[in-house]
Amino acid sequence: AMLDAGLLDELRGLRAQGYTAALPALRSIGYRELGAFLDGACDLETA
């Protein structure tokens, strides 16, 4: 449901504003795993 509600788009937007995975909040559950997808480390289903 979080993914369906736009968590991935939210993370894309944060990254577009210059926020990186080095920020503690972006290492939290959901952001961390979807960040791996955005970085090309895995596919969306794996994330």
ModelCIF file with pLDDT and N, C-alpha, C, O atoms, coordinates in Angstrom:
data_MODEL
#
_entry.id   MODEL 
#
_entity.id                         1 
_entity.type                       polymer 
_entity.pdbx_number_of_molecules   1 
#
_entity_poly.entity_id                      1 
_entity_poly.type                           'polypeptide(L)' 
_entity_poly.nstd_linkage                   no 
_entity_poly.nstd_monomer                   no 
_entity_poly.pdbx_seq_one_letter_code       AMLDAGLLDELRGLRAQGYTAALPALRSIGYRELGAFLDGACDLETA 
_entity_poly.pdbx_seq_one_letter_code_can   AMLDAGLLDELRGLRAQGYTAALPALRSIGYRELGAFLDGACDLETA 
_entity_poly.pdbx_strand_id                 A 
#
loop_
_entity_poly_seq.entity_id 
_entity_poly_seq.num 
_entity_poly_seq.mon_id 
_entity_poly_seq.hetero 
1 1  ALA n 
1 2  MET n 
1 3  LEU n 
1 4  ASP n 
1 5  ALA n 
1 6  GLY n 
1 7  LEU n 
1 8  LEU n 
1 9  ASP n 
1 10 GLU n 
1 11 LEU n 
1 12 ARG n 
1 13 GLY n 
1 14 LEU n 
1 15 ARG n 
1 16 ALA n 
1 17 GLN n 
1 18 GLY n 
1 19 TYR n 
1 20 THR n 
1 21 ALA n 
1 22 ALA n 
1 23 LEU n 
1 24 PRO n 
1 25 ALA n 
1 26 LEU n 
1 27 ARG n 
1 28 SER n 
1 29 ILE n 
1 30 GLY n 
1 31 TYR n 
1 32 ARG n 
1 33 GLU n 
1 34 LEU n 
1 35 GLY n 
1 36 ALA n 
1 37 PHE n 
1 38 LEU n 
1 39 ASP n 
1 40 GLY n 
1 41 ALA n 
1 42 CYS n 
1 43 ASP n 
1 44 LEU n 
1 45 GLU n 
1 46 THR n 
1 47 ALA n 
#
_struct_asym.id          A 
_struct_asym.entity_id   1 
#
loop_
_ma_qa_metric.id 
_ma_qa_metric.mode 
_ma_qa_metric.name 
_ma_qa_metric.software_group_id 
_ma_qa_metric.type 
1 global pLDDT . pLDDT 
2 local  pLDDT . pLDDT 
#
_ma_qa_metric_global.metric_id      1 
_ma_qa_metric_global.metric_value   95.70 
_ma_qa_metric_global.model_id       1 
_ma_qa_metric_global.ordinal_id     1 
#
loop_
_ma_qa_metric_local.label_asym_id 
_ma_qa_metric_local.label_comp_id 
_ma_qa_metric_local.label_seq_id 
_ma_qa_metric_local.metric_id 
_ma_qa_metric_local.metric_value 
_ma_qa_metric_local.model_id 
_ma_qa_metric_local.ordinal_id 
A ALA 1  2 98.00 1 1  
A MET 2  2 97.00 1 2  
A LEU 3  2 97.00 1 3  
A ASP 4  2 97.00 1 4  
A ALA 5  2 98.00 1 5  
A GLY 6  2 97.00 1 6  
A LEU 7  2 98.00 1 7  
A LEU 8  2 97.00 1 8  
A ASP 9  2 97.00 1 9  
A GLU 10 2 97.00 1 10 
A LEU 11 2 97.00 1 11 
A ARG 12 2 97.00 1 12 
A GLY 13 2 97.00 1 13 
A LEU 14 2 97.00 1 14 
A ARG 15 2 96.00 1 15 
A ALA 16 2 97.00 1 16 
A GLN 17 2 97.00 1 17 
A GLY 18 2 95.00 1 18 
A TYR 19 2 95.00 1 19 
A THR 20 2 91.00 1 20 
A ALA 21 2 89.00 1 21 
A ALA 22 2 88.00 1 22 
A LEU 23 2 89.00 1 23 
A PRO 24 2 86.00 1 24 
A ALA 25 2 90.00 1 25 
A LEU 26 2 92.00 1 26 
A ARG 27 2 92.00 1 27 
A SER 28 2 95.00 1 28 
A ILE 29 2 97.00 1 29 
A GLY 30 2 97.00 1 30 
A TYR 31 2 97.00 1 31 
A ARG 32 2 97.00 1 32 
A GLU 33 2 97.00 1 33 
A LEU 34 2 97.00 1 34 
A GLY 35 2 97.00 1 35 
A ALA 36 2 97.00 1 36 
A PHE 37 2 97.00 1 37 
A LEU 38 2 96.00 1 38 
A ASP 39 2 96.00 1 39 
A GLY 40 2 97.00 1 40 
A ALA 41 2 97.00 1 41 
A CYS 42 2 98.00 1 42 
A ASP 43 2 98.00 1 43 
A LEU 44 2 97.00 1 44 
A GLU 45 2 97.00 1 45 
A THR 46 2 98.00 1 46 
A ALA 47 2 98.00 1 47 
#
loop_
_atom_site.group_PDB 
_atom_site.id 
_atom_site.type_symbol 
_atom_site.label_atom_id 
_atom_site.label_alt_id 
_atom_site.label_comp_id 
_atom_site.label_asym_id 
_atom_site.label_entity_id 
_atom_site.label_seq_id 
_atom_site.pdbx_PDB_ins_code 
_atom_site.Cartn_x 
_atom_site.Cartn_y 
_atom_site.Cartn_z 
_atom_site.occupancy 
_atom_site.B_iso_or_equiv 
_atom_site.pdbx_formal_charge 
_atom_site.auth_seq_id 
_atom_site.auth_comp_id 
_atom_site.auth_asym_id 
_atom_site.auth_atom_id 
_atom_site.pdbx_PDB_model_num 
ATOM 1   N N  . ALA A 1 1  ? 0.833  -1.208 0.000   1.00 98.00 ? 1  ALA A N  1 
ATOM 2   C CA . ALA A 1 1  ? 0.000  0.000  0.000   1.00 98.00 ? 1  ALA A CA 1 
ATOM 3   C C  . ALA A 1 1  ? 0.868  1.259  0.000   1.00 98.00 ? 1  ALA A C  1 
ATOM 4   O O  . ALA A 1 1  ? 0.522  2.244  -0.653  1.00 98.00 ? 1  ALA A O  1 
ATOM 5   N N  . MET A 1 2  ? 1.982  1.240  0.718   1.00 97.00 ? 2  MET A N  1 
ATOM 6   C CA . MET A 1 2  ? 2.888  2.392  0.731   1.00 97.00 ? 2  MET A CA 1 
ATOM 7   C C  . MET A 1 2  ? 3.460  2.626  -0.662  1.00 97.00 ? 2  MET A C  1 
ATOM 8   O O  . MET A 1 2  ? 3.582  3.766  -1.110  1.00 97.00 ? 2  MET A O  1 
ATOM 9   N N  . LEU A 1 3  ? 3.805  1.547  -1.334  1.00 97.00 ? 3  LEU A N  1 
ATOM 10  C CA . LEU A 1 3  ? 4.319  1.661  -2.694  1.00 97.00 ? 3  LEU A CA 1 
ATOM 11  C C  . LEU A 1 3  ? 3.229  2.204  -3.616  1.00 97.00 ? 3  LEU A C  1 
ATOM 12  O O  . LEU A 1 3  ? 3.482  3.099  -4.423  1.00 97.00 ? 3  LEU A O  1 
ATOM 13  N N  . ASP A 1 4  ? 2.018  1.662  -3.494  1.00 97.00 ? 4  ASP A N  1 
ATOM 14  C CA . ASP A 1 4  ? 0.886  2.119  -4.308  1.00 97.00 ? 4  ASP A CA 1 
ATOM 15  C C  . ASP A 1 4  ? 0.539  3.577  -4.036  1.00 97.00 ? 4  ASP A C  1 
ATOM 16  O O  . ASP A 1 4  ? 0.075  4.283  -4.932  1.00 97.00 ? 4  ASP A O  1 
ATOM 17  N N  . ALA A 1 5  ? 0.759  4.031  -2.812  1.00 98.00 ? 5  ALA A N  1 
ATOM 18  C CA . ALA A 1 5  ? 0.415  5.402  -2.432  1.00 98.00 ? 5  ALA A CA 1 
ATOM 19  C C  . ALA A 1 5  ? 1.473  6.423  -2.860  1.00 98.00 ? 5  ALA A C  1 
ATOM 20  O O  . ALA A 1 5  ? 1.298  7.624  -2.649  1.00 98.00 ? 5  ALA A O  1 
ATOM 21  N N  . GLY A 1 6  ? 2.575  5.946  -3.462  1.00 97.00 ? 6  GLY A N  1 
ATOM 22  C CA . GLY A 1 6  ? 3.540  6.886  -4.016  1.00 97.00 ? 6  GLY A CA 1 
ATOM 23  C C  . GLY A 1 6  ? 4.865  6.995  -3.301  1.00 97.00 ? 6  GLY A C  1 
ATOM 24  O O  . GLY A 1 6  ? 5.568  7.991  -3.474  1.00 97.00 ? 6  GLY A O  1 
ATOM 25  N N  . LEU A 1 7  ? 5.235  6.003  -2.498  1.00 98.00 ? 7  LEU A N  1 
ATOM 26  C CA . LEU A 1 7  ? 6.510  6.074  -1.787  1.00 98.00 ? 7  LEU A CA 1 
ATOM 27  C C  . LEU A 1 7  ? 7.695  6.181  -2.746  1.00 98.00 ? 7  LEU A C  1 
ATOM 28  O O  . LEU A 1 7  ? 8.645  6.915  -2.474  1.00 98.00 ? 7  LEU A O  1 
ATOM 29  N N  . LEU A 1 8  ? 7.646  5.470  -3.842  1.00 97.00 ? 8  LEU A N  1 
ATOM 30  C CA . LEU A 1 8  ? 8.749  5.521  -4.806  1.00 97.00 ? 8  LEU A CA 1 
ATOM 31  C C  . LEU A 1 8  ? 8.859  6.920  -5.419  1.00 97.00 ? 8  LEU A C  1 
ATOM 32  O O  . LEU A 1 8  ? 9.961  7.452  -5.552  1.00 97.00 ? 8  LEU A O  1 
ATOM 33  N N  . ASP A 1 9  ? 7.732  7.513  -5.789  1.00 97.00 ? 9  ASP A N  1 
ATOM 34  C CA . ASP A 1 9  ? 7.754  8.879  -6.334  1.00 97.00 ? 9  ASP A CA 1 
ATOM 35  C C  . ASP A 1 9  ? 8.240  9.880  -5.291  1.00 97.00 ? 9  ASP A C  1 
ATOM 36  O O  . ASP A 1 9  ? 8.962  10.822 -5.616  1.00 97.00 ? 9  ASP A O  1 
ATOM 37  N N  . GLU A 1 10 ? 7.844  9.673  -4.037  1.00 97.00 ? 10 GLU A N  1 
ATOM 38  C CA . GLU A 1 10 ? 8.310  10.540 -2.953  1.00 97.00 ? 10 GLU A CA 1 
ATOM 39  C C  . GLU A 1 10 ? 9.830  10.480 -2.850  1.00 97.00 ? 10 GLU A C  1 
ATOM 40  O O  . GLU A 1 10 ? 10.490 11.511 -2.721  1.00 97.00 ? 10 GLU A O  1 
ATOM 41  N N  . LEU A 1 11 ? 10.382 9.266  -2.908  1.00 97.00 ? 11 LEU A N  1 
ATOM 42  C CA . LEU A 1 11 ? 11.828 9.105  -2.821  1.00 97.00 ? 11 LEU A CA 1 
ATOM 43  C C  . LEU A 1 11 ? 12.516 9.733  -4.032  1.00 97.00 ? 11 LEU A C  1 
ATOM 44  O O  . LEU A 1 11 ? 13.555 10.377 -3.889  1.00 97.00 ? 11 LEU A O  1 
ATOM 45  N N  . ARG A 1 12 ? 11.954 9.552  -5.202  1.00 97.00 ? 12 ARG A N  1 
ATOM 46  C CA . ARG A 1 12 ? 12.521 10.204 -6.404  1.00 97.00 ? 12 ARG A CA 1 
ATOM 47  C C  . ARG A 1 12 ? 12.548 11.718 -6.219  1.00 97.00 ? 12 ARG A C  1 
ATOM 48  O O  . ARG A 1 12 ? 13.536 12.371 -6.554  1.00 97.00 ? 12 ARG A O  1 
ATOM 49  N N  . GLY A 1 13 ? 11.460 12.273 -5.686  1.00 97.00 ? 13 GLY A N  1 
ATOM 50  C CA . GLY A 1 13 ? 11.389 13.709 -5.454  1.00 97.00 ? 13 GLY A CA 1 
ATOM 51  C C  . GLY A 1 13 ? 12.425 14.185 -4.457  1.00 97.00 ? 13 GLY A C  1 
ATOM 52  O O  . GLY A 1 13 ? 13.050 15.226 -4.662  1.00 97.00 ? 13 GLY A O  1 
ATOM 53  N N  . LEU A 1 14 ? 12.617 13.434 -3.376  1.00 97.00 ? 14 LEU A N  1 
ATOM 54  C CA . LEU A 1 14 ? 13.625 13.801 -2.384  1.00 97.00 ? 14 LEU A CA 1 
ATOM 55  C C  . LEU A 1 14 ? 15.019 13.774 -2.997  1.00 97.00 ? 14 LEU A C  1 
ATOM 56  O O  . LEU A 1 14 ? 15.840 14.655 -2.744  1.00 97.00 ? 14 LEU A O  1 
ATOM 57  N N  . ARG A 1 15 ? 15.270 12.764 -3.796  1.00 96.00 ? 15 ARG A N  1 
ATOM 58  C CA . ARG A 1 15 ? 16.586 12.684 -4.453  1.00 96.00 ? 15 ARG A CA 1 
ATOM 59  C C  . ARG A 1 15 ? 16.780 13.826 -5.442  1.00 96.00 ? 15 ARG A C  1 
ATOM 60  O O  . ARG A 1 15 ? 17.883 14.357 -5.579  1.00 96.00 ? 15 ARG A O  1 
ATOM 61  N N  . ALA A 1 16 ? 15.713 14.198 -6.123  1.00 97.00 ? 16 ALA A N  1 
ATOM 62  C CA . ALA A 1 16 ? 15.793 15.312 -7.074  1.00 97.00 ? 16 ALA A CA 1 
ATOM 63  C C  . ALA A 1 16 ? 16.120 16.624 -6.353  1.00 97.00 ? 16 ALA A C  1 
ATOM 64  O O  . ALA A 1 16 ? 16.712 17.531 -6.937  1.00 97.00 ? 16 ALA A O  1 
ATOM 65  N N  . GLN A 1 17 ? 15.729 16.713 -5.080  1.00 97.00 ? 17 GLN A N  1 
ATOM 66  C CA . GLN A 1 17 ? 16.036 17.901 -4.281  1.00 97.00 ? 17 GLN A CA 1 
ATOM 67  C C  . GLN A 1 17 ? 17.440 17.846 -3.676  1.00 97.00 ? 17 GLN A C  1 
ATOM 68  O O  . GLN A 1 17 ? 17.862 18.778 -2.991  1.00 97.00 ? 17 GLN A O  1 
ATOM 69  N N  . GLY A 1 18 ? 18.157 16.755 -3.932  1.00 95.00 ? 18 GLY A N  1 
ATOM 70  C CA . GLY A 1 18 ? 19.530 16.642 -3.464  1.00 95.00 ? 18 GLY A CA 1 
ATOM 71  C C  . GLY A 1 18 ? 19.726 15.807 -2.213  1.00 95.00 ? 18 GLY A C  1 
ATOM 72  O O  . GLY A 1 18 ? 20.851 15.672 -1.732  1.00 95.00 ? 18 GLY A O  1 
ATOM 73  N N  . TYR A 1 19 ? 18.659 15.248 -1.682  1.00 95.00 ? 19 TYR A N  1 
ATOM 74  C CA . TYR A 1 19 ? 18.800 14.392 -0.502  1.00 95.00 ? 19 TYR A CA 1 
ATOM 75  C C  . TYR A 1 19 ? 19.359 13.033 -0.925  1.00 95.00 ? 19 TYR A C  1 
ATOM 76  O O  . TYR A 1 19 ? 18.947 12.469 -1.939  1.00 95.00 ? 19 TYR A O  1 
ATOM 77  N N  . THR A 1 20 ? 20.298 12.520 -0.139  1.00 91.00 ? 20 THR A N  1 
ATOM 78  C CA . THR A 1 20 ? 20.954 11.261 -0.498  1.00 91.00 ? 20 THR A CA 1 
ATOM 79  C C  . THR A 1 20 ? 20.731 10.213 0.583   1.00 91.00 ? 20 THR A C  1 
ATOM 80  O O  . THR A 1 20 ? 20.194 10.505 1.652   1.00 91.00 ? 20 THR A O  1 
ATOM 81  N N  . ALA A 1 21 ? 21.146 9.001  0.289   1.00 89.00 ? 21 ALA A N  1 
ATOM 82  C CA . ALA A 1 21 ? 21.028 7.893  1.230   1.00 89.00 ? 21 ALA A CA 1 
ATOM 83  C C  . ALA A 1 21 ? 21.894 8.111  2.471   1.00 89.00 ? 21 ALA A C  1 
ATOM 84  O O  . ALA A 1 21 ? 21.743 7.390  3.458   1.00 89.00 ? 21 ALA A O  1 
ATOM 85  N N  . ALA A 1 22 ? 22.786 9.078  2.438   1.00 88.00 ? 22 ALA A N  1 
ATOM 86  C CA . ALA A 1 22 ? 23.618 9.375  3.605   1.00 88.00 ? 22 ALA A CA 1 
ATOM 87  C C  . ALA A 1 22 ? 22.788 10.009 4.723   1.00 88.00 ? 22 ALA A C  1 
ATOM 88  O O  . ALA A 1 22 ? 23.190 9.980  5.886   1.00 88.00 ? 22 ALA A O  1 
ATOM 89  N N  . LEU A 1 23 ? 21.643 10.574 4.378   1.00 89.00 ? 23 LEU A N  1 
ATOM 90  C CA . LEU A 1 23 ? 20.752 11.171 5.364   1.00 89.00 ? 23 LEU A CA 1 
ATOM 91  C C  . LEU A 1 23 ? 20.097 10.055 6.179   1.00 89.00 ? 23 LEU A C  1 
ATOM 92  O O  . LEU A 1 23 ? 19.494 9.157  5.592   1.00 89.00 ? 23 LEU A O  1 
ATOM 93  N N  . PRO A 1 24 ? 20.196 10.082 7.515   1.00 86.00 ? 24 PRO A N  1 
ATOM 94  C CA . PRO A 1 24 ? 19.640 8.978  8.316   1.00 86.00 ? 24 PRO A CA 1 
ATOM 95  C C  . PRO A 1 24 ? 18.184 8.650  7.988   1.00 86.00 ? 24 PRO A C  1 
ATOM 96  O O  . PRO A 1 24 ? 17.814 7.476  7.955   1.00 86.00 ? 24 PRO A O  1 
ATOM 97  N N  . ALA A 1 25 ? 17.368 9.648  7.749   1.00 90.00 ? 25 ALA A N  1 
ATOM 98  C CA . ALA A 1 25 ? 15.956 9.387  7.448   1.00 90.00 ? 25 ALA A CA 1 
ATOM 99  C C  . ALA A 1 25 ? 15.791 8.575  6.164   1.00 90.00 ? 25 ALA A C  1 
ATOM 100 O O  . ALA A 1 25 ? 14.836 7.808  6.037   1.00 90.00 ? 25 ALA A O  1 
ATOM 101 N N  . LEU A 1 26 ? 16.689 8.732  5.238   1.00 92.00 ? 26 LEU A N  1 
ATOM 102 C CA . LEU A 1 26 ? 16.587 7.999  3.972   1.00 92.00 ? 26 LEU A CA 1 
ATOM 103 C C  . LEU A 1 26 ? 17.232 6.619  4.052   1.00 92.00 ? 26 LEU A C  1 
ATOM 104 O O  . LEU A 1 26 ? 17.305 5.903  3.053   1.00 92.00 ? 26 LEU A O  1 
ATOM 105 N N  . ARG A 1 27 ? 17.699 6.249  5.245   1.00 92.00 ? 27 ARG A N  1 
ATOM 106 C CA . ARG A 1 27 ? 18.173 4.884  5.466   1.00 92.00 ? 27 ARG A CA 1 
ATOM 107 C C  . ARG A 1 27 ? 17.124 4.068  6.200   1.00 92.00 ? 27 ARG A C  1 
ATOM 108 O O  . ARG A 1 27 ? 17.366 2.917  6.566   1.00 92.00 ? 27 ARG A O  1 
ATOM 109 N N  . SER A 1 28 ? 15.954 4.666  6.417   1.00 95.00 ? 28 SER A N  1 
ATOM 110 C CA . SER A 1 28 ? 14.891 3.962  7.127   1.00 95.00 ? 28 SER A CA 1 
ATOM 111 C C  . SER A 1 28 ? 14.200 2.963  6.204   1.00 95.00 ? 28 SER A C  1 
ATOM 112 O O  . SER A 1 28 ? 14.382 2.984  4.986   1.00 95.00 ? 28 SER A O  1 
ATOM 113 N N  . ILE A 1 29 ? 13.411 2.097  6.810   1.00 97.00 ? 29 ILE A N  1 
ATOM 114 C CA . ILE A 1 29 ? 12.734 1.042  6.058   1.00 97.00 ? 29 ILE A CA 1 
ATOM 115 C C  . ILE A 1 29 ? 11.861 1.660  4.967   1.00 97.00 ? 29 ILE A C  1 
ATOM 116 O O  . ILE A 1 29 ? 11.120 2.613  5.207   1.00 97.00 ? 29 ILE A O  1 
ATOM 117 N N  . GLY A 1 30 ? 11.960 1.118  3.810   1.00 97.00 ? 30 GLY A N  1 
ATOM 118 C CA . GLY A 1 30 ? 11.212 1.594  2.653   1.00 97.00 ? 30 GLY A CA 1 
ATOM 119 C C  . GLY A 1 30 ? 12.097 2.454  1.783   1.00 97.00 ? 30 GLY A C  1 
ATOM 120 O O  . GLY A 1 30 ? 12.327 2.129  0.618   1.00 97.00 ? 30 GLY A O  1 
ATOM 121 N N  . TYR A 1 31 ? 12.596 3.545  2.328   1.00 97.00 ? 31 TYR A N  1 
ATOM 122 C CA . TYR A 1 31 ? 13.505 4.400  1.567   1.00 97.00 ? 31 TYR A CA 1 
ATOM 123 C C  . TYR A 1 31 ? 14.775 3.634  1.208   1.00 97.00 ? 31 TYR A C  1 
ATOM 124 O O  . TYR A 1 31 ? 15.252 3.718  0.076   1.00 97.00 ? 31 TYR A O  1 
ATOM 125 N N  . ARG A 1 32 ? 15.320 2.890  2.162   1.00 97.00 ? 32 ARG A N  1 
ATOM 126 C CA . ARG A 1 32 ? 16.572 2.168  1.929   1.00 97.00 ? 32 ARG A CA 1 
ATOM 127 C C  . ARG A 1 32 ? 16.408 1.154  0.796   1.00 97.00 ? 32 ARG A C  1 
ATOM 128 O O  . ARG A 1 32 ? 17.224 1.106  -0.125  1.00 97.00 ? 32 ARG A O  1 
ATOM 129 N N  . GLU A 1 33 ? 15.347 0.344  0.869   1.00 97.00 ? 33 GLU A N  1 
ATOM 130 C CA . GLU A 1 33 ? 15.161 -0.721 -0.113  1.00 97.00 ? 33 GLU A CA 1 
ATOM 131 C C  . GLU A 1 33 ? 14.789 -0.162 -1.487  1.00 97.00 ? 33 GLU A C  1 
ATOM 132 O O  . GLU A 1 33 ? 15.289 -0.639 -2.506  1.00 97.00 ? 33 GLU A O  1 
ATOM 133 N N  . LEU A 1 34 ? 13.919 0.842  -1.517  1.00 97.00 ? 34 LEU A N  1 
ATOM 134 C CA . LEU A 1 34 ? 13.552 1.437  -2.800  1.00 97.00 ? 34 LEU A CA 1 
ATOM 135 C C  . LEU A 1 34 ? 14.711 2.242  -3.378  1.00 97.00 ? 34 LEU A C  1 
ATOM 136 O O  . LEU A 1 34 ? 14.829 2.382  -4.596  1.00 97.00 ? 34 LEU A O  1 
ATOM 137 N N  . GLY A 1 35 ? 15.564 2.767  -2.505  1.00 97.00 ? 35 GLY A N  1 
ATOM 138 C CA . GLY A 1 35 ? 16.773 3.448  -2.972  1.00 97.00 ? 35 GLY A CA 1 
ATOM 139 C C  . GLY A 1 35 ? 17.686 2.497  -3.717  1.00 97.00 ? 35 GLY A C  1 
ATOM 140 O O  . GLY A 1 35 ? 18.313 2.880  -4.704  1.00 97.00 ? 35 GLY A O  1 
ATOM 141 N N  . ALA A 1 36 ? 17.766 1.249  -3.247  1.00 97.00 ? 36 ALA A N  1 
ATOM 142 C CA . ALA A 1 36 ? 18.574 0.242  -3.954  1.00 97.00 ? 36 ALA A CA 1 
ATOM 143 C C  . ALA A 1 36 ? 18.014 0.014  -5.351  1.00 97.00 ? 36 ALA A C  1 
ATOM 144 O O  . ALA A 1 36 ? 18.770 -0.164 -6.306  1.00 97.00 ? 36 ALA A O  1 
ATOM 145 N N  . PHE A 1 37 ? 16.684 0.018  -5.471  1.00 97.00 ? 37 PHE A N  1 
ATOM 146 C CA . PHE A 1 37 ? 16.060 -0.119 -6.798  1.00 97.00 ? 37 PHE A CA 1 
ATOM 147 C C  . PHE A 1 37 ? 16.416 1.080  -7.679  1.00 97.00 ? 37 PHE A C  1 
ATOM 148 O O  . PHE A 1 37 ? 16.811 0.906  -8.831  1.00 97.00 ? 37 PHE A O  1 
ATOM 149 N N  . LEU A 1 38 ? 16.277 2.289  -7.143  1.00 96.00 ? 38 LEU A N  1 
ATOM 150 C CA . LEU A 1 38 ? 16.590 3.486  -7.938  1.00 96.00 ? 38 LEU A CA 1 
ATOM 151 C C  . LEU A 1 38 ? 18.060 3.530  -8.345  1.00 96.00 ? 38 LEU A C  1 
ATOM 152 O O  . LEU A 1 38 ? 18.405 4.087  -9.388  1.00 96.00 ? 38 LEU A O  1 
ATOM 153 N N  . ASP A 1 39 ? 18.921 2.943  -7.521  1.00 96.00 ? 39 ASP A N  1 
ATOM 154 C CA . ASP A 1 39 ? 20.355 2.907  -7.831  1.00 96.00 ? 39 ASP A CA 1 
ATOM 155 C C  . ASP A 1 39 ? 20.715 1.796  -8.797  1.00 96.00 ? 39 ASP A C  1 
ATOM 156 O O  . ASP A 1 39 ? 21.871 1.671  -9.199  1.00 96.00 ? 39 ASP A O  1 
ATOM 157 N N  . GLY A 1 40 ? 19.721 0.977  -9.179  1.00 97.00 ? 40 GLY A N  1 
ATOM 158 C CA . GLY A 1 40 ? 19.978 -0.105 -10.118 1.00 97.00 ? 40 GLY A CA 1 
ATOM 159 C C  . GLY A 1 40 ? 20.554 -1.361 -9.488  1.00 97.00 ? 40 GLY A C  1 
ATOM 160 O O  . GLY A 1 40 ? 21.015 -2.251 -10.202 1.00 97.00 ? 40 GLY A O  1 
ATOM 161 N N  . ALA A 1 41 ? 20.535 -1.450 -8.164  1.00 97.00 ? 41 ALA A N  1 
ATOM 162 C CA . ALA A 1 41 ? 21.107 -2.611 -7.485  1.00 97.00 ? 41 ALA A CA 1 
ATOM 163 C C  . ALA A 1 41 ? 20.178 -3.820 -7.517  1.00 97.00 ? 41 ALA A C  1 
ATOM 164 O O  . ALA A 1 41 ? 20.621 -4.948 -7.300  1.00 97.00 ? 41 ALA A O  1 
ATOM 165 N N  . CYS A 1 42 ? 18.867 -3.589 -7.792  1.00 98.00 ? 42 CYS A N  1 
ATOM 166 C CA . CYS A 1 42 ? 17.906 -4.691 -7.828  1.00 98.00 ? 42 CYS A CA 1 
ATOM 167 C C  . CYS A 1 42 ? 16.672 -4.243 -8.600  1.00 98.00 ? 42 CYS A C  1 
ATOM 168 O O  . CYS A 1 42 ? 16.513 -3.067 -8.926  1.00 98.00 ? 42 CYS A O  1 
ATOM 169 N N  . ASP A 1 43 ? 15.801 -5.212 -8.884  1.00 98.00 ? 43 ASP A N  1 
ATOM 170 C CA . ASP A 1 43 ? 14.542 -4.846 -9.543  1.00 98.00 ? 43 ASP A CA 1 
ATOM 171 C C  . ASP A 1 43 ? 13.527 -4.449 -8.473  1.00 98.00 ? 43 ASP A C  1 
ATOM 172 O O  . ASP A 1 43 ? 13.778 -4.620 -7.280  1.00 98.00 ? 43 ASP A O  1 
ATOM 173 N N  . LEU A 1 44 ? 12.381 -3.917 -8.901  1.00 97.00 ? 44 LEU A N  1 
ATOM 174 C CA . LEU A 1 44 ? 11.392 -3.406 -7.972  1.00 97.00 ? 44 LEU A CA 1 
ATOM 175 C C  . LEU A 1 44 ? 10.824 -4.511 -7.084  1.00 97.00 ? 44 LEU A C  1 
ATOM 176 O O  . LEU A 1 44 ? 10.600 -4.285 -5.895  1.00 97.00 ? 44 LEU A O  1 
ATOM 177 N N  . GLU A 1 45 ? 10.589 -5.698 -7.636  1.00 97.00 ? 45 GLU A N  1 
ATOM 178 C CA . GLU A 1 45 ? 10.033 -6.790 -6.828  1.00 97.00 ? 45 GLU A CA 1 
ATOM 179 C C  . GLU A 1 45 ? 11.005 -7.212 -5.729  1.00 97.00 ? 45 GLU A C  1 
ATOM 180 O O  . GLU A 1 45 ? 10.590 -7.522 -4.612  1.00 97.00 ? 45 GLU A O  1 
ATOM 181 N N  . THR A 1 46 ? 12.297 -7.223 -6.048  1.00 98.00 ? 46 THR A N  1 
ATOM 182 C CA . THR A 1 46 ? 13.306 -7.558 -5.039  1.00 98.00 ? 46 THR A CA 1 
ATOM 183 C C  . THR A 1 46 ? 13.351 -6.491 -3.955  1.00 98.00 ? 46 THR A C  1 
ATOM 184 O O  . THR A 1 46 ? 13.480 -6.811 -2.773  1.00 98.00 ? 46 THR A O  1 
ATOM 185 N N  . ALA A 1 47 ? 13.245 -5.219 -4.352  1.00 98.00 ? 47 ALA A N  1 
ATOM 186 C CA . ALA A 1 47 ? 13.237 -4.127 -3.380  1.00 98.00 ? 47 ALA A CA 1 
ATOM 187 C C  . ALA A 1 47 ? 12.015 -4.227 -2.469  1.00 98.00 ? 47 ALA A C  1 
ATOM 188 O O  . ALA A 1 47 ? 11.835 -3.392 -1.583  1.00 98.00 ? 47 ALA A O  1 
#
